[in-house]
Every structure is written in C-alpha cells, then in structure tokens.
C-alpha cells in the first residue's frame, strides 16, 4: 500500500475505533434517546422510525430484499448490519480502506 493510502487507512481506522467505543461525539447516531427521537421525527415524521426504516419504506417498498448490495466506505458496518436486520438485501459486499 502506498504511504498516502496507508495514512488514509490509519486515519479512518483510528476514527472507527473512537466511534465503536462511543467516544467520538461526532455522529448524530450517538445522540441520546430524546435527541434521536427528534432527529427521527425530522426525517420520517415519526419519532420511533429511524432513517433506515423510513428510506426502505419510502423508496424501496415492494422491491426488497435486493439480491445484492455494494457498500463502499462502510467503516465498521453499522449501517450494513442495520439494513441486514431489516431484510434489505440477500448479500452485501462491503469495502473500507481502513
């Protein structure tokens, strides 16, 4: 791996470790339950429906599960696991430089 690619991988690997440990404070999905409910309401109109469920219901209704999914820059795969738990795809190929 080139030194530039290694620097990028190192940066995102460190960021991923902070997120998985719940220490980054940078991402909205780390918000407390009341903040998350407000964000959900802003996105879907329902405080109990997150953006993934809303997107699947609004834009992919009747077309799920997809046969394959490609995720580039998946980090630790939080979104991909959420999609899998909701039956969005049969197979997912997920890649991340880190």
N, C-alpha and C. Protein backbone atom coordinates (compact mmCIF):
# COMPACT_ATOMS: atom_id res chain seq x y z
N UNK A 1 0.86 -1.17 0.00
CA UNK A 1 0.00 0.00 0.00
C UNK A 1 0.90 1.23 0.00
N UNK A 2 0.56 2.24 -0.80
CA UNK A 2 1.35 3.46 -0.84
C UNK A 2 1.27 4.19 0.50
N UNK A 3 2.23 5.07 0.74
CA UNK A 3 2.24 5.79 2.02
C UNK A 3 1.01 6.67 2.18
N UNK A 4 0.52 7.28 1.08
CA UNK A 4 -0.70 8.09 1.15
C UNK A 4 -1.90 7.23 1.50
N UNK A 5 -2.02 6.08 0.86
CA UNK A 5 -3.14 5.18 1.15
C UNK A 5 -3.05 4.67 2.59
N UNK A 6 -1.86 4.41 3.06
CA UNK A 6 -1.68 3.94 4.43
C UNK A 6 -2.07 5.03 5.43
N UNK A 7 -1.72 6.28 5.14
CA UNK A 7 -2.11 7.40 6.02
C UNK A 7 -3.62 7.52 6.11
N UNK A 8 -4.29 7.38 4.96
CA UNK A 8 -5.76 7.45 4.94
C UNK A 8 -6.34 6.29 5.75
N UNK A 9 -5.84 5.10 5.51
CA UNK A 9 -6.33 3.92 6.24
C UNK A 9 -6.11 4.08 7.74
N UNK A 10 -4.95 4.57 8.13
CA UNK A 10 -4.66 4.77 9.55
C UNK A 10 -5.62 5.77 10.17
N UNK A 11 -5.88 6.87 9.46
CA UNK A 11 -6.80 7.90 9.98
C UNK A 11 -8.19 7.32 10.21
N UNK A 12 -8.74 6.65 9.21
CA UNK A 12 -10.10 6.13 9.33
C UNK A 12 -10.18 4.96 10.29
N UNK A 13 -9.11 4.20 10.42
CA UNK A 13 -9.10 3.12 11.42
C UNK A 13 -9.19 3.70 12.82
N UNK A 14 -8.44 4.75 13.08
CA UNK A 14 -8.49 5.40 14.39
C UNK A 14 -9.88 5.98 14.64
N UNK A 15 -10.48 6.61 13.63
CA UNK A 15 -11.83 7.18 13.77
C UNK A 15 -12.84 6.09 14.05
N UNK A 16 -12.72 4.97 13.37
CA UNK A 16 -13.64 3.85 13.57
C UNK A 16 -13.54 3.31 15.00
N UNK A 17 -12.34 3.25 15.54
CA UNK A 17 -12.18 2.77 16.91
C UNK A 17 -12.83 3.72 17.91
N UNK A 18 -12.73 5.04 17.67
CA UNK A 18 -13.39 6.01 18.56
C UNK A 18 -14.89 5.85 18.50
N UNK A 19 -15.43 5.66 17.30
CA UNK A 19 -16.88 5.51 17.14
C UNK A 19 -17.36 4.24 17.82
N UNK A 20 -16.67 3.11 17.58
CA UNK A 20 -17.12 1.85 18.16
C UNK A 20 -17.02 1.88 19.68
N UNK A 21 -16.14 2.70 20.22
CA UNK A 21 -16.02 2.82 21.67
C UNK A 21 -16.98 3.88 22.21
N UNK A 22 -17.73 4.55 21.31
CA UNK A 22 -18.70 5.56 21.73
C UNK A 22 -18.05 6.83 22.24
N UNK A 23 -16.85 7.13 21.75
CA UNK A 23 -16.13 8.27 22.28
C UNK A 23 -15.99 9.44 21.33
N UNK A 24 -16.43 9.34 20.11
CA UNK A 24 -16.10 10.42 19.18
C UNK A 24 -16.96 11.66 19.39
N UNK A 25 -18.25 11.48 19.68
CA UNK A 25 -19.13 12.63 19.84
C UNK A 25 -19.39 13.37 18.54
N UNK A 26 -19.02 12.78 17.41
CA UNK A 26 -19.14 13.47 16.14
C UNK A 26 -20.36 13.07 15.32
N UNK A 27 -21.01 11.98 15.67
CA UNK A 27 -22.03 11.43 14.81
C UNK A 27 -23.39 11.49 15.45
N UNK A 28 -24.39 11.84 14.66
CA UNK A 28 -25.74 12.02 15.21
C UNK A 28 -26.33 10.75 15.76
N UNK A 29 -25.90 9.58 15.27
CA UNK A 29 -26.48 8.34 15.79
C UNK A 29 -25.97 8.02 17.19
N UNK A 30 -25.01 8.78 17.68
CA UNK A 30 -24.55 8.61 19.06
C UNK A 30 -25.39 9.41 20.04
N UNK A 31 -26.32 10.19 19.53
CA UNK A 31 -27.12 11.07 20.39
C UNK A 31 -27.95 10.26 21.38
N UNK A 32 -28.32 10.90 22.47
CA UNK A 32 -29.18 10.25 23.45
C UNK A 32 -30.55 9.98 22.87
N UNK A 33 -31.38 9.22 23.58
CA UNK A 33 -32.67 8.79 23.04
C UNK A 33 -33.61 9.95 22.69
N UNK A 34 -33.65 11.00 23.48
CA UNK A 34 -34.56 12.11 23.16
C UNK A 34 -34.10 12.87 21.93
N UNK A 35 -32.80 13.05 21.80
CA UNK A 35 -32.28 13.70 20.60
C UNK A 35 -32.52 12.82 19.38
N UNK A 36 -32.29 11.51 19.54
CA UNK A 36 -32.53 10.59 18.42
C UNK A 36 -34.00 10.61 17.99
N UNK A 37 -34.91 10.67 18.95
CA UNK A 37 -36.34 10.73 18.61
C UNK A 37 -36.66 12.02 17.85
N UNK A 38 -36.03 13.12 18.21
CA UNK A 38 -36.25 14.38 17.50
C UNK A 38 -35.71 14.30 16.07
N UNK A 39 -34.53 13.72 15.92
CA UNK A 39 -33.95 13.53 14.59
C UNK A 39 -34.86 12.63 13.76
N UNK A 40 -35.32 11.52 14.35
CA UNK A 40 -36.23 10.61 13.63
C UNK A 40 -37.48 11.36 13.17
N UNK A 41 -38.07 12.15 14.05
CA UNK A 41 -39.28 12.91 13.71
C UNK A 41 -39.00 13.87 12.56
N UNK A 42 -37.83 14.50 12.56
CA UNK A 42 -37.46 15.43 11.48
C UNK A 42 -37.33 14.71 10.14
N UNK A 43 -36.81 13.50 10.17
CA UNK A 43 -36.59 12.75 8.93
C UNK A 43 -37.86 12.06 8.46
N UNK A 44 -38.51 11.33 9.35
CA UNK A 44 -39.61 10.46 8.93
C UNK A 44 -41.00 10.93 9.37
N UNK A 45 -41.04 11.91 10.28
CA UNK A 45 -42.33 12.33 10.82
C UNK A 45 -42.77 11.49 11.99
N UNK A 46 -42.02 10.44 12.29
CA UNK A 46 -42.36 9.51 13.38
C UNK A 46 -41.14 9.40 14.30
N UNK A 47 -41.28 9.74 15.56
CA UNK A 47 -40.11 9.68 16.45
C UNK A 47 -39.56 8.28 16.67
N UNK A 48 -40.33 7.26 16.32
CA UNK A 48 -39.89 5.89 16.51
C UNK A 48 -39.39 5.23 15.22
N UNK A 49 -39.37 5.96 14.11
CA UNK A 49 -38.90 5.39 12.84
C UNK A 49 -37.60 6.08 12.43
N UNK A 50 -36.50 5.30 12.42
CA UNK A 50 -35.21 5.88 12.05
C UNK A 50 -35.09 6.05 10.54
N UNK A 51 -34.01 6.69 10.11
CA UNK A 51 -33.85 7.00 8.69
C UNK A 51 -33.75 5.75 7.83
N UNK A 52 -33.21 4.67 8.35
CA UNK A 52 -33.09 3.44 7.56
C UNK A 52 -34.47 2.86 7.27
N UNK A 53 -35.28 2.70 8.30
CA UNK A 53 -36.64 2.17 8.11
C UNK A 53 -37.45 3.08 7.20
N UNK A 54 -37.32 4.39 7.40
CA UNK A 54 -38.04 5.36 6.57
C UNK A 54 -37.62 5.25 5.10
N UNK A 55 -36.33 5.19 4.85
CA UNK A 55 -35.83 5.10 3.48
C UNK A 55 -36.28 3.81 2.81
N UNK A 56 -36.19 2.70 3.52
CA UNK A 56 -36.62 1.43 2.95
C UNK A 56 -38.11 1.44 2.62
N UNK A 57 -38.92 1.96 3.53
CA UNK A 57 -40.38 2.00 3.31
C UNK A 57 -40.76 2.99 2.22
N UNK A 58 -40.07 4.12 2.14
CA UNK A 58 -40.44 5.18 1.20
C UNK A 58 -39.94 4.95 -0.22
N UNK A 59 -38.74 4.39 -0.35
CA UNK A 59 -38.12 4.33 -1.66
C UNK A 59 -37.89 2.91 -2.19
N UNK A 60 -38.03 1.92 -1.33
CA UNK A 60 -37.76 0.55 -1.76
C UNK A 60 -38.93 -0.40 -1.50
N UNK A 61 -40.08 0.14 -1.17
CA UNK A 61 -41.26 -0.70 -0.89
C UNK A 61 -41.56 -1.58 -2.10
N UNK A 62 -41.77 -2.85 -1.84
CA UNK A 62 -42.10 -3.80 -2.90
C UNK A 62 -40.90 -4.29 -3.69
N UNK A 63 -39.70 -3.80 -3.38
CA UNK A 63 -38.51 -4.20 -4.14
C UNK A 63 -37.47 -4.88 -3.25
N UNK A 64 -37.86 -5.23 -2.05
CA UNK A 64 -36.92 -5.84 -1.12
C UNK A 64 -37.25 -7.31 -0.89
N UNK A 65 -36.30 -8.13 -0.62
CA UNK A 65 -34.90 -7.78 -0.48
C UNK A 65 -34.21 -7.65 -1.83
N UNK A 66 -33.25 -6.75 -1.89
CA UNK A 66 -32.40 -6.66 -3.08
C UNK A 66 -31.52 -7.90 -3.10
N UNK A 67 -31.19 -8.36 -4.29
CA UNK A 67 -30.34 -9.54 -4.38
C UNK A 67 -28.95 -9.25 -3.83
N UNK A 68 -28.38 -8.11 -4.24
CA UNK A 68 -27.03 -7.76 -3.80
C UNK A 68 -26.96 -6.29 -3.44
N UNK A 69 -26.03 -5.99 -2.55
CA UNK A 69 -25.79 -4.63 -2.10
C UNK A 69 -24.29 -4.39 -2.12
N UNK A 70 -23.87 -3.21 -2.54
CA UNK A 70 -22.47 -2.83 -2.51
C UNK A 70 -22.34 -1.62 -1.60
N UNK A 71 -21.46 -1.71 -0.65
CA UNK A 71 -21.22 -0.60 0.27
C UNK A 71 -19.75 -0.24 0.23
N UNK A 72 -19.46 0.99 -0.18
CA UNK A 72 -18.08 1.46 -0.23
C UNK A 72 -17.86 2.44 0.91
N UNK A 73 -16.80 2.25 1.65
CA UNK A 73 -16.53 3.11 2.79
C UNK A 73 -17.43 2.78 3.96
N UNK A 74 -17.59 1.50 4.25
CA UNK A 74 -18.56 1.04 5.24
C UNK A 74 -18.13 1.20 6.68
N UNK A 75 -16.87 1.53 6.91
CA UNK A 75 -16.41 1.66 8.29
C UNK A 75 -16.57 0.35 9.03
N UNK A 76 -17.18 0.39 10.20
CA UNK A 76 -17.35 -0.83 10.98
C UNK A 76 -18.62 -1.59 10.61
N UNK A 77 -19.38 -1.10 9.63
CA UNK A 77 -20.54 -1.83 9.12
C UNK A 77 -21.83 -1.65 9.90
N UNK A 78 -21.93 -0.59 10.67
CA UNK A 78 -23.14 -0.37 11.47
C UNK A 78 -24.37 -0.25 10.57
N UNK A 79 -24.28 0.57 9.52
CA UNK A 79 -25.42 0.74 8.61
C UNK A 79 -25.75 -0.57 7.91
N UNK A 80 -24.75 -1.28 7.47
CA UNK A 80 -24.98 -2.52 6.73
C UNK A 80 -25.66 -3.57 7.62
N UNK A 81 -25.26 -3.64 8.88
CA UNK A 81 -25.93 -4.58 9.81
C UNK A 81 -27.38 -4.16 10.06
N UNK A 82 -27.62 -2.86 10.14
CA UNK A 82 -28.98 -2.37 10.30
C UNK A 82 -29.83 -2.75 9.09
N UNK A 83 -29.31 -2.53 7.89
CA UNK A 83 -30.03 -2.91 6.67
C UNK A 83 -30.30 -4.41 6.63
N UNK A 84 -29.30 -5.21 7.01
CA UNK A 84 -29.48 -6.66 7.01
C UNK A 84 -30.57 -7.07 7.99
N UNK A 85 -30.60 -6.45 9.16
CA UNK A 85 -31.60 -6.82 10.16
C UNK A 85 -33.01 -6.48 9.71
N UNK A 86 -33.12 -5.54 8.76
CA UNK A 86 -34.43 -5.16 8.24
C UNK A 86 -34.76 -5.85 6.91
N UNK A 87 -33.92 -6.81 6.52
CA UNK A 87 -34.20 -7.60 5.32
C UNK A 87 -34.04 -6.84 4.02
N UNK A 88 -33.11 -5.88 3.98
CA UNK A 88 -32.95 -5.05 2.78
C UNK A 88 -32.26 -5.76 1.63
N UNK A 89 -31.42 -6.73 1.93
CA UNK A 89 -30.67 -7.41 0.87
C UNK A 89 -30.43 -8.87 1.24
N UNK A 90 -30.06 -9.65 0.21
CA UNK A 90 -29.69 -11.04 0.43
C UNK A 90 -28.19 -11.19 0.65
N UNK A 91 -27.42 -10.34 -0.03
CA UNK A 91 -25.96 -10.41 0.08
C UNK A 91 -25.41 -9.00 0.01
N UNK A 92 -24.40 -8.72 0.83
CA UNK A 92 -23.77 -7.39 0.82
C UNK A 92 -22.27 -7.55 0.72
N UNK A 93 -21.68 -6.85 -0.24
CA UNK A 93 -20.24 -6.75 -0.35
C UNK A 93 -19.86 -5.38 0.18
N UNK A 94 -19.12 -5.34 1.28
CA UNK A 94 -18.77 -4.08 1.93
C UNK A 94 -17.26 -3.92 1.98
N UNK A 95 -16.80 -2.74 1.56
CA UNK A 95 -15.36 -2.48 1.49
C UNK A 95 -15.03 -1.17 2.19
N UNK A 96 -13.89 -1.17 2.86
CA UNK A 96 -13.41 0.02 3.52
C UNK A 96 -11.89 0.02 3.48
N UNK A 97 -11.28 1.14 3.16
CA UNK A 97 -9.83 1.19 3.07
C UNK A 97 -9.17 0.91 4.41
N UNK A 98 -9.86 1.25 5.49
CA UNK A 98 -9.26 1.04 6.81
C UNK A 98 -9.40 -0.41 7.22
